[in-house]
Protein backbone atom coordinates (compact mmCIF):
# COMPACT_ATOMS: atom_id res chain seq x y z
CA MET A 1 25.14 59.33 -10.16
CA ASP A 2 22.40 57.80 -12.20
CA ARG A 3 24.85 57.34 -14.99
CA ASP A 4 27.31 55.47 -12.80
CA LYS A 5 24.77 52.95 -11.67
CA SER A 6 23.51 52.22 -15.14
CA GLU A 7 27.01 51.79 -16.53
CA THR A 8 28.05 49.38 -13.79
CA GLU A 9 24.91 47.35 -14.30
CA LYS A 10 25.68 47.01 -17.98
CA THR A 11 29.28 46.00 -17.46
CA GLU A 12 28.52 43.48 -14.70
CA GLN A 13 27.11 40.35 -16.17
CA PRO A 14 25.55 37.78 -13.91
CA LYS A 15 27.80 34.82 -13.32
CA LYS A 16 26.48 31.74 -15.01
CA THR A 17 26.87 28.55 -13.06
CA GLU A 18 26.82 26.11 -15.92
CA GLN A 19 27.95 22.61 -15.32
CA PRO A 20 30.42 21.10 -17.69
CA ILE A 21 28.90 18.78 -20.24
CA SER A 22 30.64 15.79 -18.71
CA ASP A 23 28.90 16.40 -15.36
CA MET A 24 25.50 16.68 -17.02
CA VAL A 25 26.04 13.48 -18.98
CA GLY A 26 27.20 11.72 -15.83
CA ASP A 27 24.07 12.81 -13.96
CA LEU A 28 21.86 11.57 -16.78
CA VAL A 29 23.59 8.20 -16.85
CA VAL A 30 23.23 7.79 -13.09
CA SER A 31 19.54 8.71 -13.13
CA ALA A 32 18.86 6.35 -16.04
CA ALA A 33 20.63 3.53 -14.24
CA THR A 34 18.57 4.23 -11.12
CA VAL A 35 15.32 4.07 -13.10
CA ILE A 36 16.29 0.79 -14.75
CA ALA A 37 17.36 -0.74 -11.44
CA HIS A 38 14.08 0.30 -9.82
CA SER A 39 11.94 -1.25 -12.56
CA ALA A 40 13.99 -4.45 -12.45
CA ALA A 41 13.54 -4.64 -8.67
CA GLU A 42 9.77 -4.23 -9.04
CA ALA A 43 9.68 -7.06 -11.57
CA VAL A 44 11.61 -9.37 -9.27
CA VAL A 45 9.34 -8.56 -6.33
CA GLY A 46 6.29 -9.30 -8.47
CA ARG A 47 7.66 -12.68 -9.49
CA VAL A 48 8.50 -13.57 -5.90
CA LYS A 49 4.98 -12.64 -4.76
CA LYS A 50 3.44 -14.82 -7.48
CA ALA A 51 5.64 -17.75 -6.51
CA ALA A 52 4.81 -17.28 -2.84
CA LYS A 53 1.08 -17.39 -3.58
CA LYS A 54 1.51 -20.74 -5.32
CA SER A 55 3.54 -22.35 -2.52
CA ALA A 56 2.00 -25.07 -0.37
CA VAL A 57 2.49 -23.10 2.84
CA ALA A 58 0.56 -20.14 1.48
CA LYS A 59 -2.29 -22.37 0.32
CA LYS A 60 -2.60 -23.99 3.75
CA ALA A 61 -2.56 -20.63 5.47
CA LYS A 62 -5.30 -19.44 3.14
CA ALA A 63 -7.41 -22.50 3.99
CA VAL A 64 -7.00 -21.88 7.71
CA VAL A 65 -8.04 -18.28 7.33
CA LYS A 66 -11.16 -19.33 5.44
CA LYS A 67 -12.13 -21.67 8.29
CA VAL A 68 -11.48 -19.12 11.02
CA ALA A 69 -13.02 -16.08 9.31
CA PRO A 70 -16.71 -17.09 9.65
CA LYS A 71 -16.24 -17.76 13.36
CA ALA A 72 -14.63 -14.36 13.87
CA ASN A 73 -17.47 -12.64 12.02
CA ASN A 74 -19.99 -14.46 14.21
CA ARG A 75 -18.26 -13.21 17.36
CA ARG A 76 -18.30 -9.66 16.05
CA ALA A 77 -22.04 -9.87 15.44
CA LYS A 78 -22.62 -10.92 19.05
CA LYS A 79 -20.59 -7.99 20.35
CA THR A 80 -22.55 -5.35 18.44
CA LYS A 81 -23.87 -2.58 20.62
CA SER A 82 -26.67 -1.32 18.39
CA SER A 83 -30.20 -2.31 19.27
CA ALA A 84 -30.78 -3.79 15.83
CA GLY A 85 -27.69 -5.95 16.23
CA ARG A 86 -28.79 -7.16 19.66
CA LYS A 87 -32.26 -7.98 18.39
CA ALA A 88 -30.83 -10.03 15.54
CA VAL A 89 -28.62 -11.96 17.96
CA ARG A 90 -31.60 -12.66 20.25
CA LYS A 91 -33.64 -13.94 17.32
CA LYS A 92 -30.83 -16.31 16.37
CA LYS A 93 -30.53 -17.59 19.94
CA THR A 94 -34.25 -18.19 20.31
CA ALA A 95 -34.37 -19.94 16.94
CA LYS A 96 -31.55 -22.25 18.05
CA LYS A 97 -33.32 -23.00 21.35
CA MET A 98 -36.58 -23.77 19.57
CA ALA A 99 -34.79 -26.07 17.17
CA LYS A 100 -33.20 -27.96 20.07
CA LYS A 101 -36.55 -28.33 21.84
CA SER A 102 -38.24 -29.59 18.71
CA LYS A 103 -35.56 -32.28 18.27
CA ARG A 104 -36.31 -33.71 21.75
């Protein structure tokens, strides 16, 4: 019995699932085209972003954000819950009150 098994193993060769050369070449061409298209798309997106940054609308929006940002940061400081934050806010308020009184 041992002989039969060993002989059948030798005669049976594993089936190779090789693709034809034309299929392999076709896959390579498709993948190369995909890579090239992706890099071209990235380049176009980069150019569009640069142009958008230079537009007048983007510049005005940037200016508005600069004006609004300090006010928003000030509001956040007033809403702090830590004792150090509250103390700093109180000091600012008292300094403002003293400055108003001194102007009178």
